[in-house]
Amino acid sequence: MSGGEGASSCDQCPSGWATNGARQSCDACLPGKYEDEAEGDGQHTCAACPEKWASGGGLTSCSLCGEGE
């Protein structure tokens, strides 16, 4: 992401965060989502956890829910 118009460099978002649509800031992935890097293109987005998996938000992966959860 860039710091805005006229930026001289780009910065990496922290783990569990993804760039907004304008790529000017980083936002934490919300609960139920995780940071996902699209295969090969280096673009990081927040993707929904699959069924029976959960995330507290701001994470790079989801955890499998326990039996009965």
PDB file of N, CA and C in Angstrom:
ATOM      1  N   MET A   1       0.841  -1.161   0.000  1.00  0.00           N
ATOM      2  CA  MET A   1       0.000   0.000   0.000  1.00  0.00           C
ATOM      3  C   MET A   1       0.884   1.220   0.000  1.00  0.00           C
ATOM      4  N   SER A   2       0.369   2.309  -0.480  1.00  0.00           N
ATOM      5  CA  SER A   2       1.131   3.557  -0.484  1.00  0.00           C
ATOM      6  C   SER A   2       0.547   4.485   0.567  1.00  0.00           C
ATOM      7  N   GLY A   3       1.343   5.427   0.992  1.00  0.00           N
ATOM      8  CA  GLY A   3       0.900   6.398   1.979  1.00  0.00           C
ATOM      9  C   GLY A   3      -0.009   7.454   1.393  1.00  0.00           C
ATOM     10  N   GLY A   4      -0.254   7.419   0.105  1.00  0.00           N
ATOM     11  CA  GLY A   4      -1.121   8.401  -0.535  1.00  0.00           C
ATOM     12  C   GLY A   4      -0.469   8.980  -1.766  1.00  0.00           C
ATOM     13  N   GLU A   5      -1.089   9.985  -2.313  1.00  0.00           N
ATOM     14  CA  GLU A   5      -0.600  10.624  -3.533  1.00  0.00           C
ATOM     15  C   GLU A   5       0.811  11.157  -3.327  1.00  0.00           C
ATOM     16  N   GLY A   6       1.680  10.889  -4.269  1.00  0.00           N
ATOM     17  CA  GLY A   6       3.061  11.370  -4.204  1.00  0.00           C
ATOM     18  C   GLY A   6       3.975  10.512  -3.350  1.00  0.00           C
ATOM     19  N   ALA A   7       3.513   9.353  -2.915  1.00  0.00           N
ATOM     20  CA  ALA A   7       4.347   8.474  -2.092  1.00  0.00           C
ATOM     21  C   ALA A   7       5.568   8.024  -2.888  1.00  0.00           C
ATOM     22  N   SER A   8       6.700   7.906  -2.213  1.00  0.00           N
ATOM     23  CA  SER A   8       7.931   7.504  -2.895  1.00  0.00           C
ATOM     24  C   SER A   8       8.197   6.005  -2.782  1.00  0.00           C
ATOM     25  N   SER A   9       7.405   5.297  -1.975  1.00  0.00           N
ATOM     26  CA  SER A   9       7.584   3.851  -1.845  1.00  0.00           C
ATOM     27  C   SER A   9       6.279   3.214  -1.377  1.00  0.00           C
ATOM     28  N   CYS A  10       6.237   1.887  -1.435  1.00  0.00           N
ATOM     29  CA  CYS A  10       5.074   1.131  -0.970  1.00  0.00           C
ATOM     30  C   CYS A  10       5.466   0.354   0.274  1.00  0.00           C
ATOM     31  N   ASP A  11       4.520   0.165   1.165  1.00  0.00           N
ATOM     32  CA  ASP A  11       4.755  -0.585   2.389  1.00  0.00           C
ATOM     33  C   ASP A  11       3.899  -1.842   2.406  1.00  0.00           C
ATOM     34  N   GLN A  12       4.405  -2.890   3.030  1.00  0.00           N
ATOM     35  CA  GLN A  12       3.680  -4.145   3.182  1.00  0.00           C
ATOM     36  C   GLN A  12       2.694  -4.000   4.337  1.00  0.00           C
ATOM     37  N   CYS A  13       1.492  -4.527   4.175  1.00  0.00           N
ATOM     38  CA  CYS A  13       0.540  -4.551   5.281  1.00  0.00           C
ATOM     39  C   CYS A  13       0.982  -5.611   6.288  1.00  0.00           C
ATOM     40  N   PRO A  14       0.671  -5.408   7.584  1.00  0.00           N
ATOM     41  CA  PRO A  14       1.007  -6.432   8.574  1.00  0.00           C
ATOM     42  C   PRO A  14       0.233  -7.723   8.323  1.00  0.00           C
ATOM     43  N   SER A  15       0.706  -8.828   8.854  1.00  0.00           N
ATOM     44  CA  SER A  15       0.009 -10.105   8.730  1.00  0.00           C
ATOM     45  C   SER A  15      -1.393  -9.981   9.308  1.00  0.00           C
ATOM     46  N   GLY A  16      -2.373 -10.557   8.603  1.00  0.00           N
ATOM     47  CA  GLY A  16      -3.756 -10.499   9.041  1.00  0.00           C
ATOM     48  C   GLY A  16      -4.487  -9.240   8.600  1.00  0.00           C
ATOM     49  N   TRP A  17      -3.827  -8.415   7.813  1.00  0.00           N
ATOM     50  CA  TRP A  17      -4.399  -7.175   7.303  1.00  0.00           C
ATOM     51  C   TRP A  17      -4.335  -7.215   5.779  1.00  0.00           C
ATOM     52  N   ALA A  18      -5.159  -6.423   5.114  1.00  0.00           N
ATOM     53  CA  ALA A  18      -5.158  -6.346   3.653  1.00  0.00           C
ATOM     54  C   ALA A  18      -5.386  -4.897   3.240  1.00  0.00           C
ATOM     55  N   THR A  19      -5.006  -4.566   2.024  1.00  0.00           N
ATOM     56  CA  THR A  19      -5.186  -3.198   1.551  1.00  0.00           C
ATOM     57  C   THR A  19      -6.645  -2.929   1.227  1.00  0.00           C
ATOM     58  N   ASN A  20      -7.009  -1.667   1.374  1.00  0.00           N
ATOM     59  CA  ASN A  20      -8.357  -1.275   0.971  1.00  0.00           C
ATOM     60  C   ASN A  20      -8.382  -1.204  -0.556  1.00  0.00           C
ATOM     61  N   GLY A  21      -9.534  -0.962  -1.147  1.00  0.00           N
ATOM     62  CA  GLY A  21      -9.674  -0.957  -2.601  1.00  0.00           C
ATOM     63  C   GLY A  21      -8.749   0.015  -3.305  1.00  0.00           C
ATOM     64  N   ALA A  22      -8.470   1.150  -2.682  1.00  0.00           N
ATOM     65  CA  ALA A  22      -7.594   2.160  -3.289  1.00  0.00           C
ATOM     66  C   ALA A  22      -6.117   1.887  -3.018  1.00  0.00           C
ATOM     67  N   ARG A  23      -5.850   0.851  -2.220  1.00  0.00           N
ATOM     68  CA  ARG A  23      -4.476   0.490  -1.840  1.00  0.00           C
ATOM     69  C   ARG A  23      -3.733   1.645  -1.180  1.00  0.00           C
ATOM     70  N   GLN A  24      -4.464   2.434  -0.383  1.00  0.00           N
ATOM     71  CA  GLN A  24      -3.842   3.544   0.328  1.00  0.00           C
ATOM     72  C   GLN A  24      -3.722   3.295   1.818  1.00  0.00           C
ATOM     73  N   SER A  25      -4.379   2.251   2.322  1.00  0.00           N
ATOM     74  CA  SER A  25      -4.258   1.929   3.737  1.00  0.00           C
ATOM     75  C   SER A  25      -4.458   0.428   3.928  1.00  0.00           C
ATOM     76  N   CYS A  26      -4.096  -0.034   5.096  1.00  0.00           N
ATOM     77  CA  CYS A  26      -4.285  -1.432   5.455  1.00  0.00           C
ATOM     78  C   CYS A  26      -5.406  -1.520   6.483  1.00  0.00           C
ATOM     79  N   ASP A  27      -6.249  -2.529   6.346  1.00  0.00           N
ATOM     80  CA  ASP A  27      -7.344  -2.750   7.279  1.00  0.00           C
ATOM     81  C   ASP A  27      -7.256  -4.182   7.796  1.00  0.00           C
ATOM     82  N   ALA A  28      -7.504  -4.366   9.094  1.00  0.00           N
ATOM     83  CA  ALA A  28      -7.496  -5.713   9.674  1.00  0.00           C
ATOM     84  C   ALA A  28      -8.648  -6.522   9.096  1.00  0.00           C
ATOM     85  N   CYS A  29      -8.403  -7.784   8.826  1.00  0.00           N
ATOM     86  CA  CYS A  29      -9.482  -8.664   8.382  1.00  0.00           C
ATOM     87  C   CYS A  29     -10.459  -8.832   9.545  1.00  0.00           C
ATOM     88  N   LEU A  30     -11.742  -8.766   9.241  1.00  0.00           N
ATOM     89  CA  LEU A  30     -12.783  -8.848  10.259  1.00  0.00           C
ATOM     90  C   LEU A  30     -12.938 -10.275  10.776  1.00  0.00           C
ATOM     91  N   PRO A  31     -13.560 -10.455  11.959  1.00  0.00           N
ATOM     92  CA  PRO A  31     -13.825 -11.810  12.450  1.00  0.00           C
ATOM     93  C   PRO A  31     -14.592 -12.613  11.395  1.00  0.00           C
ATOM     94  N   GLY A  32     -14.215 -13.876  11.246  1.00  0.00           N
ATOM     95  CA  GLY A  32     -14.822 -14.736  10.230  1.00  0.00           C
ATOM     96  C   GLY A  32     -14.083 -14.687   8.906  1.00  0.00           C
ATOM     97  N   LYS A  33     -13.030 -13.857   8.845  1.00  0.00           N
ATOM     98  CA  LYS A  33     -12.210 -13.737   7.627  1.00  0.00           C
ATOM     99  C   LYS A  33     -10.733 -13.838   8.002  1.00  0.00           C
ATOM    100  N   TYR A  34      -9.901 -14.091   6.994  1.00  0.00           N
ATOM    101  CA  TYR A  34      -8.461 -14.198   7.214  1.00  0.00           C
ATOM    102  C   TYR A  34      -7.746 -13.581   6.012  1.00  0.00           C
ATOM    103  N   GLU A  35      -6.480 -13.214   6.203  1.00  0.00           N
ATOM    104  CA  GLU A  35      -5.687 -12.654   5.105  1.00  0.00           C
ATOM    105  C   GLU A  35      -5.344 -13.766   4.126  1.00  0.00           C
ATOM    106  N   ASP A  36      -5.672 -13.555   2.877  1.00  0.00           N
ATOM    107  CA  ASP A  36      -5.446 -14.561   1.840  1.00  0.00           C
ATOM    108  C   ASP A  36      -4.690 -13.904   0.695  1.00  0.00           C
ATOM    109  N   GLU A  37      -3.592 -14.522   0.275  1.00  0.00           N
ATOM    110  CA  GLU A  37      -2.847 -14.020  -0.876  1.00  0.00           C
ATOM    111  C   GLU A  37      -3.297 -14.786  -2.107  1.00  0.00           C
ATOM    112  N   ALA A  38      -3.846 -14.061  -3.075  1.00  0.00           N
ATOM    113  CA  ALA A  38      -4.284 -14.699  -4.320  1.00  0.00           C
ATOM    114  C   ALA A  38      -3.081 -15.375  -4.961  1.00  0.00           C
ATOM    115  N   GLU A  39      -3.292 -16.552  -5.455  1.00  0.00           N
ATOM    116  CA  GLU A  39      -2.214 -17.382  -5.980  1.00  0.00           C
ATOM    117  C   GLU A  39      -1.385 -16.670  -7.036  1.00  0.00           C
ATOM    118  N   GLY A  40      -0.128 -16.401  -6.685  1.00  0.00           N
ATOM    119  CA  GLY A  40       0.834 -15.890  -7.647  1.00  0.00           C
ATOM    120  C   GLY A  40       0.799 -14.408  -7.946  1.00  0.00           C
ATOM    121  N   ASP A  41      -0.282 -13.680  -7.616  1.00  0.00           N
ATOM    122  CA  ASP A  41      -0.299 -12.273  -8.023  1.00  0.00           C
ATOM    123  C   ASP A  41       0.126 -11.319  -6.912  1.00  0.00           C
ATOM    124  N   GLY A  42       0.367 -11.839  -5.697  1.00  0.00           N
ATOM    125  CA  GLY A  42       0.849 -11.013  -4.606  1.00  0.00           C
ATOM    126  C   GLY A  42      -0.188 -10.086  -3.997  1.00  0.00           C
ATOM    127  N   GLN A  43      -1.426 -10.164  -4.444  1.00  0.00           N
ATOM    128  CA  GLN A  43      -2.472  -9.300  -3.908  1.00  0.00           C
ATOM    129  C   GLN A  43      -3.088  -9.962  -2.675  1.00  0.00           C
ATOM    130  N   HIS A  44      -3.116  -9.242  -1.576  1.00  0.00           N
ATOM    131  CA  HIS A  44      -3.655  -9.755  -0.325  1.00  0.00           C
ATOM    132  C   HIS A  44      -5.067  -9.229  -0.126  1.00  0.00           C
ATOM    133  N   THR A  45      -5.991 -10.136   0.188  1.00  0.00           N
ATOM    134  CA  THR A  45      -7.373  -9.771   0.447  1.00  0.00           C
ATOM    135  C   THR A  45      -7.831 -10.493   1.709  1.00  0.00           C
ATOM    136  N   CYS A  46      -8.979 -10.097   2.231  1.00  0.00           N
ATOM    137  CA  CYS A  46      -9.583 -10.801   3.354  1.00  0.00           C
ATOM    138  C   CYS A  46     -10.616 -11.759   2.787  1.00  0.00           C
ATOM    139  N   ALA A  47     -10.428 -13.039   3.010  1.00  0.00           N
ATOM    140  CA  ALA A  47     -11.329 -14.072   2.495  1.00  0.00           C
ATOM    141  C   ALA A  47     -12.114 -14.678   3.651  1.00  0.00           C
ATOM    142  N   ALA A  48     -13.324 -15.143   3.361  1.00  0.00           N
ATOM    143  CA  ALA A  48     -14.167 -15.769   4.375  1.00  0.00           C
ATOM    144  C   ALA A  48     -13.618 -17.137   4.754  1.00  0.00           C
ATOM    145  N   CYS A  49     -13.711 -17.473   6.038  1.00  0.00           N
ATOM    146  CA  CYS A  49     -13.329 -18.806   6.490  1.00  0.00           C
ATOM    147  C   CYS A  49     -14.324 -19.821   5.921  1.00  0.00           C
ATOM    148  N   PRO A  50     -13.846 -21.024   5.593  1.00  0.00           N
ATOM    149  CA  PRO A  50     -14.763 -22.056   5.105  1.00  0.00           C
ATOM    150  C   PRO A  50     -15.725 -22.497   6.214  1.00  0.00           C
ATOM    151  N   GLU A  51     -16.777 -23.189   5.822  1.00  0.00           N
ATOM    152  CA  GLU A  51     -17.751 -23.712   6.779  1.00  0.00           C
ATOM    153  C   GLU A  51     -17.043 -24.572   7.825  1.00  0.00           C
ATOM    154  N   LYS A  52     -17.426 -24.433   9.062  1.00  0.00           N
ATOM    155  CA  LYS A  52     -16.888 -25.155  10.224  1.00  0.00           C
ATOM    156  C   LYS A  52     -15.502 -24.675  10.632  1.00  0.00           C
ATOM    157  N   TRP A  53     -15.091 -23.527  10.124  1.00  0.00           N
ATOM    158  CA  TRP A  53     -13.830 -22.892  10.499  1.00  0.00           C
ATOM    159  C   TRP A  53     -14.149 -21.481  10.988  1.00  0.00           C
ATOM    160  N   ALA A  54     -13.280 -20.897  11.832  1.00  0.00           N
ATOM    161  CA  ALA A  54     -13.534 -19.564  12.384  1.00  0.00           C
ATOM    162  C   ALA A  54     -12.228 -18.791  12.547  1.00  0.00           C
ATOM    163  N   SER A  55     -12.358 -17.478  12.624  1.00  0.00           N
ATOM    164  CA  SER A  55     -11.214 -16.594  12.847  1.00  0.00           C
ATOM    165  C   SER A  55     -11.689 -15.431  13.711  1.00  0.00           C
ATOM    166  N   GLY A  56     -10.865 -15.028  14.647  1.00  0.00           N
ATOM    167  CA  GLY A  56     -11.194 -13.891  15.503  1.00  0.00           C
ATOM    168  C   GLY A  56     -10.967 -12.561  14.816  1.00  0.00           C
ATOM    169  N   GLY A  57     -10.425 -12.570  13.597  1.00  0.00           N
ATOM    170  CA  GLY A  57     -10.121 -11.334  12.876  1.00  0.00           C
ATOM    171  C   GLY A  57      -8.667 -10.935  13.044  1.00  0.00           C
ATOM    172  N   GLY A  58      -8.125 -10.262  12.035  1.00  0.00           N
ATOM    173  CA  GLY A  58      -6.729  -9.832  12.069  1.00  0.00           C
ATOM    174  C   GLY A  58      -5.749 -10.987  12.015  1.00  0.00           C
ATOM    175  N   LEU A  59      -6.177 -12.114  11.418  1.00  0.00           N
ATOM    176  CA  LEU A  59      -5.341 -13.311  11.381  1.00  0.00           C
ATOM    177  C   LEU A  59      -5.051 -13.745   9.946  1.00  0.00           C
ATOM    178  N   THR A  60      -4.079 -14.652   9.804  1.00  0.00           N
ATOM    179  CA  THR A  60      -3.705 -15.159   8.486  1.00  0.00           C
ATOM    180  C   THR A  60      -4.264 -16.547   8.218  1.00  0.00           C
ATOM    181  N   SER A  61      -5.035 -17.077   9.153  1.00  0.00           N
ATOM    182  CA  SER A  61      -5.629 -18.395   8.951  1.00  0.00           C
ATOM    183  C   SER A  61      -6.886 -18.531   9.803  1.00  0.00           C
ATOM    184  N   CYS A  62      -7.647 -19.569   9.529  1.00  0.00           N
ATOM    185  CA  CYS A  62      -8.839 -19.899  10.299  1.00  0.00           C
ATOM    186  C   CYS A  62      -8.545 -21.157  11.107  1.00  0.00           C
ATOM    187  N   SER A  63      -9.283 -21.335  12.183  1.00  0.00           N
ATOM    188  CA  SER A  63      -9.137 -22.533  13.018  1.00  0.00           C
ATOM    189  C   SER A  63     -10.378 -23.395  12.889  1.00  0.00           C
ATOM    190  N   LEU A  64     -10.174 -24.687  12.868  1.00  0.00           N
ATOM    191  CA  LEU A  64     -11.280 -25.628  12.794  1.00  0.00           C
ATOM    192  C   LEU A  64     -12.079 -25.569  14.085  1.00  0.00           C
ATOM    193  N   CYS A  65     -13.393 -25.440  13.978  1.00  0.00           N
ATOM    194  CA  CYS A  65     -14.256 -25.422  15.158  1.00  0.00           C
ATOM    195  C   CYS A  65     -14.298 -26.817  15.772  1.00  0.00           C
ATOM    196  N   GLY A  66     -14.428 -26.865  17.093  1.00  0.00           N
ATOM    197  CA  GLY A  66     -14.521 -28.140  17.790  1.00  0.00           C
ATOM    198  C   GLY A  66     -15.885 -28.784  17.565  1.00  0.00           C
ATOM    199  N   GLU A  67     -15.986 -30.015  17.945  1.00  0.00           N
ATOM    200  CA  GLU A  67     -17.238 -30.744  17.792  1.00  0.00           C
ATOM    201  C   GLU A  67     -18.331 -30.037  18.582  1.00  0.00           C
ATOM    202  N   GLY A  68     -19.474 -29.797  17.974  1.00  0.00           N
ATOM    203  CA  GLY A  68     -20.590 -29.126  18.616  1.00  0.00           C
ATOM    204  C   GLY A  68     -20.519 -27.615  18.590  1.00  0.00           C
ATOM    205  N   GLU A  69     -19.463 -27.037  18.008  1.00  0.00           N
ATOM    206  CA  GLU A  69     -19.310 -25.577  17.920  1.00  0.00           C
ATOM    207  C   GLU A  69     -19.782 -25.077  16.581  1.00  0.00           C
TER     208      GLU A  69
END
